[in-house]
PDB file of all heavy atoms in Angstrom:
ATOM      1  N   LEU A   1      -5.131   2.775 -10.433  1.00  0.00           N
ATOM      2  CA  LEU A   1      -5.146   2.747 -11.952  1.00  0.00           C
ATOM      3  C   LEU A   1      -4.128   1.728 -12.389  1.00  0.00           C
ATOM      4  O   LEU A   1      -4.235   1.216 -13.432  1.00  0.00           O
ATOM      5  CB  LEU A   1      -4.849   4.060 -12.491  1.00  0.00           C
ATOM      6  CG  LEU A   1      -5.932   5.104 -12.427  1.00  0.00           C
ATOM      7  CD1 LEU A   1      -5.234   6.507 -12.867  1.00  0.00           C
ATOM      8  CD2 LEU A   1      -7.053   4.774 -13.125  1.00  0.00           C
ATOM      9  N   PHE A   2      -3.203   1.274 -11.529  1.00  0.00           N
ATOM     10  CA  PHE A   2      -2.073   0.462 -11.906  1.00  0.00           C
ATOM     11  C   PHE A   2      -1.969  -0.736 -11.085  1.00  0.00           C
ATOM     12  O   PHE A   2      -1.987  -0.758  -9.873  1.00  0.00           O
ATOM     13  CB  PHE A   2      -0.718   1.246 -11.812  1.00  0.00           C
ATOM     14  CG  PHE A   2      -0.766   2.655 -12.379  1.00  0.00           C
ATOM     15  CD1 PHE A   2      -1.052   3.776 -11.562  1.00  0.00           C
ATOM     16  CD2 PHE A   2      -0.647   2.863 -13.758  1.00  0.00           C
ATOM     17  CE1 PHE A   2      -1.166   5.020 -12.172  1.00  0.00           C
ATOM     18  CE2 PHE A   2      -0.789   4.109 -14.262  1.00  0.00           C
ATOM     19  CZ  PHE A   2      -0.938   5.207 -13.433  1.00  0.00           C
ATOM     20  N   ASN A   3      -1.798  -1.946 -11.837  1.00  0.00           N
ATOM     21  CA  ASN A   3      -1.768  -3.221 -11.184  1.00  0.00           C
ATOM     22  C   ASN A   3      -0.361  -3.477 -10.984  1.00  0.00           C
ATOM     23  O   ASN A   3       0.638  -3.015 -11.728  1.00  0.00           O
ATOM     24  CB  ASN A   3      -2.471  -4.246 -12.018  1.00  0.00           C
ATOM     25  CG  ASN A   3      -2.873  -5.519 -11.058  1.00  0.00           C
ATOM     26  OD1 ASN A   3      -2.486  -5.564  -9.974  1.00  0.00           O
ATOM     27  ND2 ASN A   3      -3.568  -6.314 -11.732  1.00  0.00           N
ATOM     28  N   ALA A   4       0.030  -4.391 -10.024  1.00  0.00           N
ATOM     29  CA  ALA A   4       1.370  -4.721  -9.674  1.00  0.00           C
ATOM     30  C   ALA A   4       1.404  -6.032  -8.881  1.00  0.00           C
ATOM     31  O   ALA A   4       0.294  -6.389  -8.294  1.00  0.00           O
ATOM     32  CB  ALA A   4       2.143  -3.632  -8.940  1.00  0.00           C
ATOM     33  N   ASP A   5       2.480  -6.542  -8.627  1.00  0.00           N
ATOM     34  CA  ASP A   5       2.595  -7.862  -7.806  1.00  0.00           C
ATOM     35  C   ASP A   5       2.697  -7.373  -6.394  1.00  0.00           C
ATOM     36  O   ASP A   5       2.208  -8.157  -5.494  1.00  0.00           O
ATOM     37  CB  ASP A   5       3.832  -8.615  -8.280  1.00  0.00           C
ATOM     38  CG  ASP A   5       3.843  -9.278  -9.546  1.00  0.00           C
ATOM     39  OD1 ASP A   5       2.813 -10.036  -9.756  1.00  0.00           O
ATOM     40  OD2 ASP A   5       4.408  -8.783 -10.485  1.00  0.00           O
ATOM     41  N   ALA A   6       3.305  -6.247  -6.185  1.00  0.00           N
ATOM     42  CA  ALA A   6       3.407  -5.788  -4.737  1.00  0.00           C
ATOM     43  C   ALA A   6       3.400  -4.216  -4.707  1.00  0.00           C
ATOM     44  O   ALA A   6       3.763  -3.506  -5.702  1.00  0.00           O
ATOM     45  CB  ALA A   6       4.710  -6.215  -4.175  1.00  0.00           C
ATOM     46  N   GLN A   7       3.031  -3.700  -3.602  1.00  0.00           N
ATOM     47  CA  GLN A   7       2.929  -2.261  -3.394  1.00  0.00           C
ATOM     48  C   GLN A   7       3.374  -1.788  -2.039  1.00  0.00           C
ATOM     49  O   GLN A   7       3.019  -2.431  -1.087  1.00  0.00           O
ATOM     50  CB  GLN A   7       1.442  -1.809  -3.638  1.00  0.00           C
ATOM     51  CG  GLN A   7       1.382  -0.212  -3.421  1.00  0.00           C
ATOM     52  CD  GLN A   7      -0.179   0.154  -3.737  1.00  0.00           C
ATOM     53  OE1 GLN A   7      -1.016  -0.571  -3.882  1.00  0.00           O
ATOM     54  NE2 GLN A   7      -0.370   1.503  -3.822  1.00  0.00           N
ATOM     55  N   VAL A   8       4.259  -0.749  -1.978  1.00  0.00           N
ATOM     56  CA  VAL A   8       4.740  -0.205  -0.659  1.00  0.00           C
ATOM     57  C   VAL A   8       4.135   1.202  -0.603  1.00  0.00           C
ATOM     58  O   VAL A   8       4.551   1.960  -1.415  1.00  0.00           O
ATOM     59  CB  VAL A   8       6.159  -0.260  -0.505  1.00  0.00           C
ATOM     60  CG1 VAL A   8       6.638   0.296   0.765  1.00  0.00           C
ATOM     61  CG2 VAL A   8       6.773  -1.775  -0.686  1.00  0.00           C
ATOM     62  N   ASP A   9       3.411   1.498   0.560  1.00  0.00           N
ATOM     63  CA  ASP A   9       2.846   2.860   0.688  1.00  0.00           C
ATOM     64  C   ASP A   9       2.594   3.129   2.195  1.00  0.00           C
ATOM     65  O   ASP A   9       2.452   2.034   2.939  1.00  0.00           O
ATOM     66  CB  ASP A   9       1.531   2.915  -0.112  1.00  0.00           C
ATOM     67  CG  ASP A   9       1.182   4.436  -0.504  1.00  0.00           C
ATOM     68  OD1 ASP A   9       0.953   5.213   0.371  1.00  0.00           O
ATOM     69  OD2 ASP A   9       1.164   4.668  -1.687  1.00  0.00           O
ATOM     70  N   ASP A  10       2.623   4.344   2.450  1.00  0.00           N
ATOM     71  CA  ASP A  10       2.407   4.613   3.942  1.00  0.00           C
ATOM     72  C   ASP A  10       0.918   5.020   4.230  1.00  0.00           C
ATOM     73  O   ASP A  10       0.664   5.307   5.374  1.00  0.00           O
ATOM     74  CB  ASP A  10       3.292   5.850   4.366  1.00  0.00           C
ATOM     75  CG  ASP A  10       2.981   7.232   3.499  1.00  0.00           C
ATOM     76  OD1 ASP A  10       2.974   7.105   2.278  1.00  0.00           O
ATOM     77  OD2 ASP A  10       2.710   8.219   4.135  1.00  0.00           O
ATOM     78  N   ARG A  11       0.022   4.894   3.360  1.00  0.00           N
ATOM     79  CA  ARG A  11      -1.366   5.191   3.447  1.00  0.00           C
ATOM     80  C   ARG A  11      -2.239   4.040   2.857  1.00  0.00           C
ATOM     81  O   ARG A  11      -2.161   3.747   1.645  1.00  0.00           O
ATOM     82  CB  ARG A  11      -1.764   6.434   2.895  1.00  0.00           C
ATOM     83  CG  ARG A  11      -1.120   7.636   3.514  1.00  0.00           C
ATOM     84  CD  ARG A  11      -1.861   9.031   3.201  1.00  0.00           C
ATOM     85  NE  ARG A  11      -1.373   9.430   1.901  1.00  0.00           N
ATOM     86  CZ  ARG A  11      -1.883  10.532   1.311  1.00  0.00           C
ATOM     87  NH1 ARG A  11      -2.860  11.313   1.916  1.00  0.00           N
ATOM     88  NH2 ARG A  11      -1.404  11.015   0.092  1.00  0.00           N
ATOM     89  N   LEU A  12      -3.094   3.458   3.788  1.00  0.00           N
ATOM     90  CA  LEU A  12      -3.970   2.347   3.353  1.00  0.00           C
ATOM     91  C   LEU A  12      -4.818   2.823   2.269  1.00  0.00           C
ATOM     92  O   LEU A  12      -5.139   2.095   1.283  1.00  0.00           O
ATOM     93  CB  LEU A  12      -4.708   1.927   4.561  1.00  0.00           C
ATOM     94  CG  LEU A  12      -3.960   0.941   5.558  1.00  0.00           C
ATOM     95  CD1 LEU A  12      -5.025   0.453   6.515  1.00  0.00           C
ATOM     96  CD2 LEU A  12      -3.390  -0.313   4.820  1.00  0.00           C
ATOM     97  N   ALA A  13      -5.278   4.071   2.322  1.00  0.00           N
ATOM     98  CA  ALA A  13      -6.132   4.578   1.304  1.00  0.00           C
ATOM     99  C   ALA A  13      -5.604   4.578  -0.154  1.00  0.00           C
ATOM    100  O   ALA A  13      -6.334   4.529  -1.106  1.00  0.00           O
ATOM    101  CB  ALA A  13      -6.655   5.940   1.686  1.00  0.00           C
ATOM    102  N   LYS A  14      -4.292   4.512  -0.158  1.00  0.00           N
ATOM    103  CA  LYS A  14      -3.679   4.537  -1.536  1.00  0.00           C
ATOM    104  C   LYS A  14      -3.330   3.183  -2.068  1.00  0.00           C
ATOM    105  O   LYS A  14      -2.831   3.037  -3.140  1.00  0.00           O
ATOM    106  CB  LYS A  14      -2.297   5.431  -1.461  1.00  0.00           C
ATOM    107  CG  LYS A  14      -2.548   6.822  -1.111  1.00  0.00           C
ATOM    108  CD  LYS A  14      -3.379   7.567  -2.176  1.00  0.00           C
ATOM    109  CE  LYS A  14      -3.481   8.999  -1.842  1.00  0.00           C
ATOM    110  NZ  LYS A  14      -4.243   9.715  -2.922  1.00  0.00           N
ATOM    111  N   MET A  15      -3.728   2.154  -1.306  1.00  0.00           N
ATOM    112  CA  MET A  15      -3.411   0.786  -1.655  1.00  0.00           C
ATOM    113  C   MET A  15      -4.255   0.298  -2.755  1.00  0.00           C
ATOM    114  O   MET A  15      -5.546   0.610  -2.726  1.00  0.00           O
ATOM    115  CB  MET A  15      -3.562  -0.212  -0.509  1.00  0.00           C
ATOM    116  CG  MET A  15      -2.557   0.073   0.552  1.00  0.00           C
ATOM    117  SD  MET A  15      -0.879  -0.412   0.132  1.00  0.00           S
ATOM    118  CE  MET A  15      -0.032  -0.243   1.642  1.00  0.00           C
ATOM    119  N   ASP A  16      -3.869  -0.465  -3.842  1.00  0.00           N
ATOM    120  CA  ASP A  16      -4.685  -0.920  -4.897  1.00  0.00           C
ATOM    121  C   ASP A  16      -5.233  -2.233  -4.404  1.00  0.00           C
ATOM    122  O   ASP A  16      -4.434  -3.096  -4.072  1.00  0.00           O
ATOM    123  CB  ASP A  16      -3.734  -1.011  -6.087  1.00  0.00           C
ATOM    124  CG  ASP A  16      -4.614  -1.460  -7.279  1.00  0.00           C
ATOM    125  OD1 ASP A  16      -5.640  -1.979  -7.171  1.00  0.00           O
ATOM    126  OD2 ASP A  16      -4.174  -1.219  -8.510  1.00  0.00           O
ATOM    127  N   ASN A  17      -6.525  -2.457  -4.515  1.00  0.00           N
ATOM    128  CA  ASN A  17      -7.167  -3.634  -4.033  1.00  0.00           C
ATOM    129  C   ASN A  17      -6.781  -4.863  -4.806  1.00  0.00           C
ATOM    130  O   ASN A  17      -6.818  -6.066  -4.485  1.00  0.00           O
ATOM    131  CB  ASN A  17      -8.724  -3.545  -4.101  1.00  0.00           C
ATOM    132  CG  ASN A  17      -9.232  -2.631  -2.983  1.00  0.00           C
ATOM    133  OD1 ASN A  17      -8.632  -2.493  -2.002  1.00  0.00           O
ATOM    134  ND2 ASN A  17     -10.252  -2.000  -3.315  1.00  0.00           N
ATOM    135  N   ASP A  18      -6.294  -4.651  -6.124  1.00  0.00           N
ATOM    136  CA  ASP A  18      -5.966  -5.736  -7.024  1.00  0.00           C
ATOM    137  C   ASP A  18      -4.460  -6.222  -6.714  1.00  0.00           C
ATOM    138  O   ASP A  18      -4.100  -7.297  -7.382  1.00  0.00           O
ATOM    139  CB  ASP A  18      -6.046  -5.299  -8.446  1.00  0.00           C
ATOM    140  CG  ASP A  18      -7.503  -5.057  -8.817  1.00  0.00           C
ATOM    141  OD1 ASP A  18      -8.338  -5.729  -8.438  1.00  0.00           O
ATOM    142  OD2 ASP A  18      -7.847  -4.190  -9.745  1.00  0.00           O
ATOM    143  N   VAL A  19      -3.757  -5.531  -5.912  1.00  0.00           N
ATOM    144  CA  VAL A  19      -2.409  -5.955  -5.583  1.00  0.00           C
ATOM    145  C   VAL A  19      -2.372  -6.943  -4.522  1.00  0.00           C
ATOM    146  O   VAL A  19      -3.074  -6.750  -3.367  1.00  0.00           O
ATOM    147  CB  VAL A  19      -1.508  -4.720  -5.127  1.00  0.00           C
ATOM    148  CG1 VAL A  19      -0.100  -5.289  -4.633  1.00  0.00           C
ATOM    149  CG2 VAL A  19      -1.390  -3.787  -6.259  1.00  0.00           C
ATOM    150  N   LYS A  20      -1.754  -8.144  -4.803  1.00  0.00           N
ATOM    151  CA  LYS A  20      -1.807  -9.266  -3.735  1.00  0.00           C
ATOM    152  C   LYS A  20      -1.026  -8.946  -2.498  1.00  0.00           C
ATOM    153  O   LYS A  20      -1.419  -9.205  -1.420  1.00  0.00           O
ATOM    154  CB  LYS A  20      -1.242 -10.529  -4.491  1.00  0.00           C
ATOM    155  CG  LYS A  20      -2.232 -11.077  -5.519  1.00  0.00           C
ATOM    156  CD  LYS A  20      -1.693 -12.350  -6.169  1.00  0.00           C
ATOM    157  CE  LYS A  20      -2.563 -12.817  -7.213  1.00  0.00           C
ATOM    158  NZ  LYS A  20      -2.136 -14.102  -7.810  1.00  0.00           N
ATOM    159  N   LEU A  21       0.172  -8.345  -2.706  1.00  0.00           N
ATOM    160  CA  LEU A  21       1.031  -8.074  -1.514  1.00  0.00           C
ATOM    161  C   LEU A  21       1.038  -6.564  -1.307  1.00  0.00           C
ATOM    162  O   LEU A  21       1.731  -5.877  -1.943  1.00  0.00           O
ATOM    163  CB  LEU A  21       2.385  -8.667  -1.779  1.00  0.00           C
ATOM    164  CG  LEU A  21       3.478  -8.418  -0.685  1.00  0.00           C
ATOM    165  CD1 LEU A  21       2.965  -8.851   0.724  1.00  0.00           C
ATOM    166  CD2 LEU A  21       4.761  -9.061  -0.977  1.00  0.00           C
ATOM    167  N   LYS A  22       0.377  -6.174  -0.275  1.00  0.00           N
ATOM    168  CA  LYS A  22       0.294  -4.688   0.071  1.00  0.00           C
ATOM    169  C   LYS A  22       0.938  -4.528   1.425  1.00  0.00           C
ATOM    170  O   LYS A  22       0.665  -5.173   2.406  1.00  0.00           O
ATOM    171  CB  LYS A  22      -1.235  -4.246   0.156  1.00  0.00           C
ATOM    172  CG  LYS A  22      -1.994  -4.359  -1.052  1.00  0.00           C
ATOM    173  CD  LYS A  22      -3.330  -3.761  -1.011  1.00  0.00           C
ATOM    174  CE  LYS A  22      -4.345  -4.754  -0.292  1.00  0.00           C
ATOM    175  NZ  LYS A  22      -4.649  -5.868  -1.117  1.00  0.00           N
ATOM    176  N   ILE A  23       1.936  -3.577   1.277  1.00  0.00           N
ATOM    177  CA  ILE A  23       2.879  -3.386   2.512  1.00  0.00           C
ATOM    178  C   ILE A  23       2.684  -2.003   3.110  1.00  0.00           C
ATOM    179  O   ILE A  23       2.915  -1.011   2.295  1.00  0.00           O
ATOM    180  CB  ILE A  23       4.343  -3.656   2.248  1.00  0.00           C
ATOM    181  CG1 ILE A  23       4.597  -5.082   1.725  1.00  0.00           C
ATOM    182  CG2 ILE A  23       5.242  -3.280   3.411  1.00  0.00           C
ATOM    183  CD1 ILE A  23       5.883  -5.371   1.187  1.00  0.00           C
ATOM    184  N   LEU A  24       2.140  -1.788   4.211  1.00  0.00           N
ATOM    185  CA  LEU A  24       2.027  -0.479   4.824  1.00  0.00           C
ATOM    186  C   LEU A  24       3.387  -0.076   5.527  1.00  0.00           C
ATOM    187  O   LEU A  24       3.849  -0.766   6.421  1.00  0.00           O
ATOM    188  CB  LEU A  24       0.890  -0.463   5.947  1.00  0.00           C
ATOM    189  CG  LEU A  24       0.745   0.908   6.505  1.00  0.00           C
ATOM    190  CD1 LEU A  24       0.132   1.914   5.611  1.00  0.00           C
ATOM    191  CD2 LEU A  24      -0.181   0.746   7.741  1.00  0.00           C
ATOM    192  N   PHE A  25       4.025   0.888   4.898  1.00  0.00           N
ATOM    193  CA  PHE A  25       5.313   1.275   5.351  1.00  0.00           C
ATOM    194  C   PHE A  25       5.051   2.136   6.662  1.00  0.00           C
ATOM    195  O   PHE A  25       4.328   3.234   6.658  1.00  0.00           O
ATOM    196  CB  PHE A  25       5.942   2.205   4.367  1.00  0.00           C
ATOM    197  CG  PHE A  25       7.362   2.493   4.671  1.00  0.00           C
ATOM    198  CD1 PHE A  25       8.412   1.729   4.223  1.00  0.00           C
ATOM    199  CD2 PHE A  25       7.790   3.639   5.266  1.00  0.00           C
ATOM    200  CE1 PHE A  25       9.719   1.933   4.443  1.00  0.00           C
ATOM    201  CE2 PHE A  25       9.104   3.917   5.523  1.00  0.00           C
ATOM    202  CZ  PHE A  25      10.114   3.058   5.090  1.00  0.00           C
ATOM    203  N   SER A  26       5.596   1.754   7.794  1.00  0.00           N
ATOM    204  CA  SER A  26       5.454   2.484   9.039  1.00  0.00           C
ATOM    205  C   SER A  26       5.912   3.838   8.958  1.00  0.00           C
ATOM    206  O   SER A  26       7.047   4.166   8.580  1.00  0.00           O
ATOM    207  CB  SER A  26       5.952   1.720  10.246  1.00  0.00           C
ATOM    208  OG  SER A  26       5.408   0.418  10.415  1.00  0.00           O
ATOM    209  N   SER A  27       5.032   4.807   9.394  1.00  0.00           N
ATOM    210  CA  SER A  27       5.486   6.272   9.346  1.00  0.00           C
ATOM    211  C   SER A  27       4.814   6.951  10.619  1.00  0.00           C
ATOM    212  O   SER A  27       3.894   6.339  11.267  1.00  0.00           O
ATOM    213  CB  SER A  27       4.950   6.861   8.007  1.00  0.00           C
ATOM    214  OG  SER A  27       5.551   8.133   7.901  1.00  0.00           O
ATOM    215  N   TYR A  28       5.122   8.092  10.839  1.00  0.00           N
ATOM    216  CA  TYR A  28       4.770   8.917  12.003  1.00  0.00           C
ATOM    217  C   TYR A  28       3.237   9.044  12.103  1.00  0.00           C
ATOM    218  O   TYR A  28       2.751   9.294  13.201  1.00  0.00           O
ATOM    219  CB  TYR A  28       5.380  10.298  11.939  1.00  0.00           C
ATOM    220  CG  TYR A  28       4.986  11.166  10.748  1.00  0.00           C
ATOM    221  CD1 TYR A  28       3.910  12.108  10.815  1.00  0.00           C
ATOM    222  CD2 TYR A  28       5.682  11.071   9.542  1.00  0.00           C
ATOM    223  CE1 TYR A  28       3.608  12.805   9.731  1.00  0.00           C
ATOM    224  CE2 TYR A  28       5.308  11.760   8.470  1.00  0.00           C
ATOM    225  CZ  TYR A  28       4.311  12.706   8.565  1.00  0.00           C
ATOM    226  OH  TYR A  28       3.873  13.530   7.446  1.00  0.00           O
ATOM    227  N   HIS A  29       2.493   9.026  11.022  1.00  0.00           N
ATOM    228  CA  HIS A  29       1.116   9.350  10.913  1.00  0.00           C
ATOM    229  C   HIS A  29       0.192   8.035  10.801  1.00  0.00           C
ATOM    230  O   HIS A  29      -1.004   8.265  10.878  1.00  0.00           O
ATOM    231  CB  HIS A  29       0.805  10.233   9.668  1.00  0.00           C
ATOM    232  CG  HIS A  29       1.088   9.541   8.367  1.00  0.00           C
ATOM    233  ND1 HIS A  29       0.256   8.644   7.705  1.00  0.00           N
ATOM    234  CD2 HIS A  29       2.254   9.574   7.520  1.00  0.00           C
ATOM    235  CE1 HIS A  29       0.819   8.234   6.700  1.00  0.00           C
ATOM    236  NE2 HIS A  29       2.042   8.720   6.547  1.00  0.00           N
ATOM    237  N   ASN A  30       0.805   6.945  10.766  1.00  0.00           N
ATOM    238  CA  ASN A  30      -0.037   5.752  10.588  1.00  0.00           C
ATOM    239  C   ASN A  30       0.134   4.627  11.681  1.00  0.00           C
ATOM    240  O   ASN A  30      -0.320   3.566  11.542  1.00  0.00           O
ATOM    241  CB  ASN A  30       0.186   5.080   9.240  1.00  0.00           C
ATOM    242  CG  ASN A  30       1.580   4.477   9.103  1.00  0.00           C
ATOM    243  OD1 ASN A  30       2.340   4.233   9.984  1.00  0.00           O
ATOM    244  ND2 ASN A  30       1.992   4.291   7.729  1.00  0.00           N
ATOM    245  N   MET A  31       0.717   5.024  12.879  1.00  0.00           N
ATOM    246  CA  MET A  31       0.953   4.026  13.910  1.00  0.00           C
ATOM    247  C   MET A  31      -0.214   3.650  14.629  1.00  0.00           C
ATOM    248  O   MET A  31      -0.212   2.650  15.428  1.00  0.00           O
ATOM    249  CB  MET A  31       2.112   4.570  14.839  1.00  0.00           C
ATOM    250  CG  MET A  31       3.492   4.987  14.183  1.00  0.00           C
ATOM    251  SD  MET A  31       3.992   3.583  13.160  1.00  0.00           S
ATOM    252  CE  MET A  31       4.181   2.289  14.377  1.00  0.00           C
TER     253      MET A  31
END
């Protein structure tokens, strides 16, 4: 629902497609 210049999240499914810089934060469940 929210646009931004960058996004940091530990789940790809939560990434906003409209955000240019998407950073997957490494965590125990996404390696």
